[in-house]
N, C-alpha and C. Protein backbone atom coordinates (compact mmCIF):
# COMPACT_ATOMS: atom_id res chain seq x y z
N MET A 1 -28.75 -21.10 -16.67
CA MET A 1 -28.78 -20.50 -15.57
C MET A 1 -29.34 -21.07 -14.30
N VAL A 2 -30.54 -22.00 -14.54
CA VAL A 2 -31.10 -22.68 -13.43
C VAL A 2 -30.10 -23.85 -13.09
N GLU A 3 -29.37 -24.49 -13.80
CA GLU A 3 -28.48 -25.42 -13.52
C GLU A 3 -27.36 -24.75 -12.54
N TYR A 4 -27.03 -23.70 -12.93
CA TYR A 4 -25.79 -23.06 -12.17
C TYR A 4 -26.39 -22.75 -10.84
N ILE A 5 -27.68 -22.22 -10.72
CA ILE A 5 -28.11 -21.84 -9.37
C ILE A 5 -28.44 -23.06 -8.44
N GLU A 6 -28.72 -24.17 -9.21
CA GLU A 6 -28.94 -25.49 -8.72
C GLU A 6 -27.51 -25.98 -7.94
N ARG A 7 -26.58 -25.82 -8.97
CA ARG A 7 -25.19 -26.32 -8.35
C ARG A 7 -24.74 -25.39 -7.21
N PHE A 8 -25.08 -24.19 -7.20
CA PHE A 8 -24.48 -23.16 -6.29
C PHE A 8 -25.19 -23.53 -5.04
N ILE A 9 -26.40 -23.77 -4.87
CA ILE A 9 -27.26 -24.16 -3.74
C ILE A 9 -26.85 -25.42 -3.00
N ALA A 10 -26.57 -26.38 -4.04
CA ALA A 10 -26.05 -27.77 -3.63
C ALA A 10 -24.82 -27.61 -2.89
N ASP A 11 -23.92 -26.78 -3.36
CA ASP A 11 -22.61 -26.56 -3.16
C ASP A 11 -22.60 -25.86 -1.62
N LEU A 12 -23.46 -24.89 -1.61
CA LEU A 12 -23.57 -24.15 -0.34
C LEU A 12 -23.98 -24.95 0.90
N ALA A 13 -25.06 -25.80 0.53
CA ALA A 13 -25.44 -26.80 1.48
C ALA A 13 -24.40 -27.87 1.92
N ASN A 14 -23.74 -28.25 0.98
CA ASN A 14 -22.52 -29.05 1.40
C ASN A 14 -21.66 -28.38 2.13
N ARG A 15 -21.25 -27.35 2.01
CA ARG A 15 -20.22 -26.52 2.65
C ARG A 15 -20.74 -25.83 3.85
N GLY A 16 -22.06 -25.77 4.02
CA GLY A 16 -22.61 -24.85 5.15
C GLY A 16 -21.85 -25.16 6.65
N ALA A 17 -21.60 -26.54 6.87
CA ALA A 17 -20.96 -26.74 8.17
C ALA A 17 -19.51 -26.29 8.18
N GLN A 18 -18.77 -26.41 7.23
CA GLN A 18 -17.51 -25.88 7.09
C GLN A 18 -17.42 -24.44 7.33
N ILE A 19 -18.48 -23.67 6.50
CA ILE A 19 -18.40 -22.18 6.65
C ILE A 19 -18.86 -21.88 8.16
N ALA A 20 -19.66 -22.51 8.76
CA ALA A 20 -20.16 -22.09 10.07
C ALA A 20 -19.05 -22.31 11.02
N ASN A 21 -18.28 -23.36 10.89
CA ASN A 21 -17.07 -23.64 11.64
C ASN A 21 -16.06 -22.59 11.67
N LEU A 22 -15.72 -22.04 10.20
CA LEU A 22 -14.77 -21.00 10.11
C LEU A 22 -15.19 -19.67 10.75
N LEU A 23 -16.58 -19.48 10.70
CA LEU A 23 -17.06 -18.17 11.27
C LEU A 23 -17.25 -18.18 12.66
N ASP A 24 -17.33 -19.34 13.29
CA ASP A 24 -17.40 -19.63 14.63
C ASP A 24 -15.74 -19.39 15.06
N ARG A 25 -14.72 -19.83 14.54
CA ARG A 25 -13.53 -19.58 14.76
C ARG A 25 -13.16 -18.16 14.68
N LEU A 26 -13.78 -17.41 13.65
CA LEU A 26 -13.36 -16.06 13.54
C LEU A 26 -13.84 -15.27 14.76
N ASN A 27 -15.06 -15.69 15.14
CA ASN A 27 -15.88 -14.99 16.33
C ASN A 27 -14.78 -15.18 17.62
N VAL A 28 -14.44 -16.36 17.61
CA VAL A 28 -13.56 -16.62 18.88
C VAL A 28 -12.28 -15.69 18.78
N ALA A 29 -11.64 -15.73 17.61
CA ALA A 29 -10.50 -14.98 17.71
C ALA A 29 -10.52 -13.51 17.51
N ASP A 30 -11.83 -12.91 17.62
CA ASP A 30 -12.05 -11.40 17.71
C ASP A 30 -12.26 -10.98 16.27
N ALA A 31 -13.34 -11.23 15.65
CA ALA A 31 -13.57 -10.88 14.28
C ALA A 31 -13.72 -9.23 14.41
N GLY A 32 -13.91 -8.75 15.48
CA GLY A 32 -14.12 -7.25 15.54
C GLY A 32 -12.75 -6.44 15.07
N ARG A 33 -11.65 -7.02 15.11
CA ARG A 33 -10.35 -6.44 14.59
C ARG A 33 -10.45 -6.39 13.10
N LEU A 34 -10.92 -7.39 12.75
CA LEU A 34 -11.03 -7.51 11.13
C LEU A 34 -12.13 -6.65 10.54
N LEU A 35 -13.29 -6.76 11.29
CA LEU A 35 -14.42 -5.74 10.74
C LEU A 35 -13.74 -4.24 10.88
N LEU A 36 -13.11 -3.79 11.88
CA LEU A 36 -12.63 -2.49 12.15
C LEU A 36 -11.43 -2.17 10.99
N ALA A 37 -10.74 -3.17 10.70
CA ALA A 37 -9.79 -2.89 9.51
C ALA A 37 -10.49 -2.69 8.15
N ALA A 38 -11.56 -3.63 7.86
CA ALA A 38 -12.33 -3.40 6.67
C ALA A 38 -12.99 -2.04 6.55
N ALA A 39 -13.70 -1.72 7.85
CA ALA A 39 -14.21 -0.47 7.77
C ALA A 39 -13.38 0.82 7.65
N ARG A 40 -12.31 0.75 8.23
CA ARG A 40 -11.47 1.86 8.03
C ARG A 40 -10.92 1.85 6.55
N ARG A 41 -10.79 0.96 5.98
CA ARG A 41 -10.38 0.67 4.48
C ARG A 41 -11.59 1.40 3.56
N GLU A 42 -12.55 0.85 4.02
CA GLU A 42 -13.88 1.32 3.13
C GLU A 42 -13.91 2.72 3.31
N ALA A 43 -13.97 3.21 4.57
CA ALA A 43 -14.10 4.69 4.84
C ALA A 43 -13.09 5.62 4.05
N GLY A 44 -11.85 5.01 4.09
CA GLY A 44 -10.78 5.81 3.18
C GLY A 44 -11.02 5.74 1.78
N ASP A 45 -11.51 4.50 1.26
CA ASP A 45 -11.91 4.46 -0.12
C ASP A 45 -13.06 5.38 -0.65
N ALA A 46 -13.92 5.60 0.44
CA ALA A 46 -15.21 6.38 0.08
C ALA A 46 -14.87 7.75 0.11
N LEU A 47 -13.86 8.22 0.46
CA LEU A 47 -13.54 9.76 0.50
C LEU A 47 -13.28 10.15 -0.93
N PRO A 48 -13.76 11.31 -1.42
CA PRO A 48 -13.45 11.84 -2.67
C PRO A 48 -12.00 12.44 -2.77
N ASP A 49 -11.48 12.19 -4.09
CA ASP A 49 -10.14 12.98 -4.05
C ASP A 49 -10.14 14.29 -4.18
N ASP A 50 -9.20 15.06 -3.52
CA ASP A 50 -9.35 16.53 -3.29
C ASP A 50 -9.03 17.18 -4.57
N ALA A 51 -9.89 18.01 -5.08
CA ALA A 51 -9.60 18.96 -6.27
C ALA A 51 -8.89 20.09 -5.81
N PRO A 52 -8.08 20.52 -6.49
CA PRO A 52 -7.09 21.72 -6.05
C PRO A 52 -8.10 22.86 -5.81
N GLY A 53 -8.01 23.52 -4.71
CA GLY A 53 -8.74 24.72 -4.44
C GLY A 53 -10.06 24.49 -3.98
N ALA A 54 -10.56 23.45 -3.94
CA ALA A 54 -11.99 22.96 -3.58
C ALA A 54 -12.17 23.09 -2.13
N ASP A 55 -11.18 22.70 -1.30
CA ASP A 55 -11.37 22.79 0.13
C ASP A 55 -10.14 23.35 0.69
N PRO A 56 -9.91 24.59 0.64
CA PRO A 56 -8.60 25.20 1.07
C PRO A 56 -8.31 24.94 2.39
N ASP A 57 -9.10 24.91 3.38
CA ASP A 57 -8.64 24.75 4.83
C ASP A 57 -8.80 23.24 5.24
N GLY A 58 -9.47 22.29 4.28
CA GLY A 58 -9.40 20.95 4.60
C GLY A 58 -10.40 20.51 5.56
N GLN A 59 -11.43 21.41 5.87
CA GLN A 59 -12.57 21.13 6.87
C GLN A 59 -13.55 20.22 6.09
N GLN A 60 -13.90 20.41 4.97
CA GLN A 60 -14.93 19.62 4.27
C GLN A 60 -14.23 18.24 4.13
N ALA A 61 -13.11 17.98 3.85
CA ALA A 61 -12.39 16.70 3.83
C ALA A 61 -12.41 15.99 5.27
N GLN A 62 -12.19 16.80 6.28
CA GLN A 62 -12.21 16.20 7.57
C GLN A 62 -13.59 15.87 7.98
N GLN A 63 -14.50 16.65 7.69
CA GLN A 63 -16.05 16.16 7.95
C GLN A 63 -16.28 15.02 7.34
N ALA A 64 -15.89 14.88 6.05
CA ALA A 64 -16.32 13.64 5.26
C ALA A 64 -15.65 12.51 5.70
N ARG A 65 -14.35 12.63 6.13
CA ARG A 65 -13.62 11.52 6.78
C ARG A 65 -14.28 11.11 7.98
N ALA A 66 -14.61 12.14 8.69
CA ALA A 66 -15.19 11.67 10.16
C ALA A 66 -16.62 10.96 9.93
N ALA A 67 -17.30 11.50 8.97
CA ALA A 67 -18.69 10.69 8.81
C ALA A 67 -18.53 9.38 8.25
N ALA A 68 -17.51 9.25 7.36
CA ALA A 68 -17.26 7.81 6.78
C ALA A 68 -16.83 7.00 7.71
N THR A 69 -15.77 7.49 8.66
CA THR A 69 -15.33 6.58 9.57
C THR A 69 -16.32 6.08 10.71
N SER A 70 -17.19 6.97 10.99
CA SER A 70 -18.10 6.66 11.99
C SER A 70 -19.23 5.70 11.54
N ALA A 71 -19.74 5.85 10.17
CA ALA A 71 -20.70 5.07 9.70
C ALA A 71 -20.09 3.57 9.27
N ALA A 72 -18.92 3.51 8.88
CA ALA A 72 -18.45 2.10 8.32
C ALA A 72 -18.35 0.98 9.29
N PRO A 73 -17.96 1.33 10.64
CA PRO A 73 -17.98 0.02 11.46
C PRO A 73 -19.35 -0.60 11.72
N THR A 74 -20.42 0.31 11.62
CA THR A 74 -21.77 -0.23 11.97
C THR A 74 -22.20 -1.06 10.79
N ALA A 75 -21.91 -0.59 9.60
CA ALA A 75 -22.35 -1.35 8.29
C ALA A 75 -21.49 -2.64 8.29
N TRP A 76 -20.34 -2.57 8.69
CA TRP A 76 -19.65 -4.06 8.66
C TRP A 76 -20.03 -4.90 9.63
N GLU A 77 -20.33 -4.24 11.03
CA GLU A 77 -20.99 -5.18 11.87
C GLU A 77 -22.20 -5.76 11.50
N ASN A 78 -23.05 -5.04 10.90
CA ASN A 78 -24.29 -5.50 10.42
C ASN A 78 -24.10 -6.56 9.32
N ARG A 79 -23.13 -6.39 8.47
CA ARG A 79 -22.84 -7.43 7.35
C ARG A 79 -22.39 -8.75 8.07
N TRP A 80 -21.62 -8.46 9.08
CA TRP A 80 -20.96 -9.79 9.83
C TRP A 80 -22.12 -10.45 10.60
N ARG A 81 -23.02 -9.69 11.34
CA ARG A 81 -24.17 -10.21 11.91
C ARG A 81 -25.06 -10.98 10.92
N GLY A 82 -25.35 -10.52 9.84
CA GLY A 82 -26.25 -11.24 8.71
C GLY A 82 -25.54 -12.48 8.14
N LEU A 83 -24.29 -12.43 7.93
CA LEU A 83 -23.61 -13.71 7.56
C LEU A 83 -23.47 -14.66 8.53
N THR A 84 -23.07 -14.48 9.79
CA THR A 84 -23.26 -15.34 10.97
C THR A 84 -24.57 -15.84 11.18
N ASP A 85 -25.51 -14.86 11.25
CA ASP A 85 -26.96 -15.41 11.41
C ASP A 85 -27.42 -16.55 10.41
N TRP A 86 -26.99 -16.20 9.05
CA TRP A 86 -27.31 -17.15 8.10
C TRP A 86 -26.72 -18.59 8.35
N PHE A 87 -25.35 -18.68 8.69
CA PHE A 87 -24.79 -20.00 8.83
C PHE A 87 -24.90 -20.44 10.31
N LEU A 88 -24.78 -19.69 11.32
CA LEU A 88 -24.85 -20.20 12.66
C LEU A 88 -26.08 -20.38 13.49
N SER A 89 -27.10 -19.69 12.91
CA SER A 89 -28.37 -19.84 13.48
C SER A 89 -29.08 -21.18 13.17
N ASP A 90 -28.64 -21.59 12.00
CA ASP A 90 -29.35 -23.07 11.66
C ASP A 90 -28.80 -24.06 12.42
N ILE A 91 -27.37 -24.02 12.77
CA ILE A 91 -26.68 -25.07 13.50
C ILE A 91 -27.13 -24.94 14.88
N ALA A 92 -27.39 -23.91 15.49
CA ALA A 92 -27.67 -23.56 16.84
C ALA A 92 -29.21 -24.10 16.94
N SER A 93 -30.20 -23.86 15.97
CA SER A 93 -31.42 -24.60 16.20
C SER A 93 -31.39 -25.92 16.06
N LEU A 94 -30.50 -26.63 15.21
CA LEU A 94 -30.52 -28.10 15.11
C LEU A 94 -29.94 -28.51 16.57
N LEU A 95 -28.94 -28.06 17.06
CA LEU A 95 -28.37 -28.50 18.45
C LEU A 95 -29.54 -28.42 19.47
N ALA A 96 -30.23 -27.18 19.53
CA ALA A 96 -31.32 -27.02 20.37
C ALA A 96 -32.29 -28.16 20.40
N ILE A 97 -32.58 -28.75 19.33
CA ILE A 97 -33.70 -29.70 19.20
C ILE A 97 -33.04 -31.06 19.36
N GLY A 98 -31.74 -31.20 19.54
CA GLY A 98 -31.00 -32.54 19.60
C GLY A 98 -30.72 -33.30 18.44
N TRP A 99 -30.53 -32.57 17.31
CA TRP A 99 -30.17 -33.36 16.03
C TRP A 99 -28.86 -33.75 16.06
C-alpha cells in the first residue's frame, strides 16, 4: 500500500503542470457550463423514485426537485474551486516569486 501511495504521489507531481494547463483551459472555455450540466444531472439523480400514491399532487416531488437543483450548483462550484486551487495556486505562487 505504501508503494502504491508513493507511486501515486510521484505521478501526481509529474503530471501537475499538465493538469494545471487543462484546468486553465477549461476555465477559459467557461467551465461554468460543465459545472451546471453536472449539477443538473446530480440533482436529477438525487431525487427519489415516486412511489405510487405517495405524492398525489406532485408537490413534494416538485419541492425536492427545487431544493436539489438550487443546492447542486454551489456544491459543484466548490468542488471546482478546490480542484483548481490545488493545482493552479501552486503555479501562481511559483510565477509570483519568479521561478
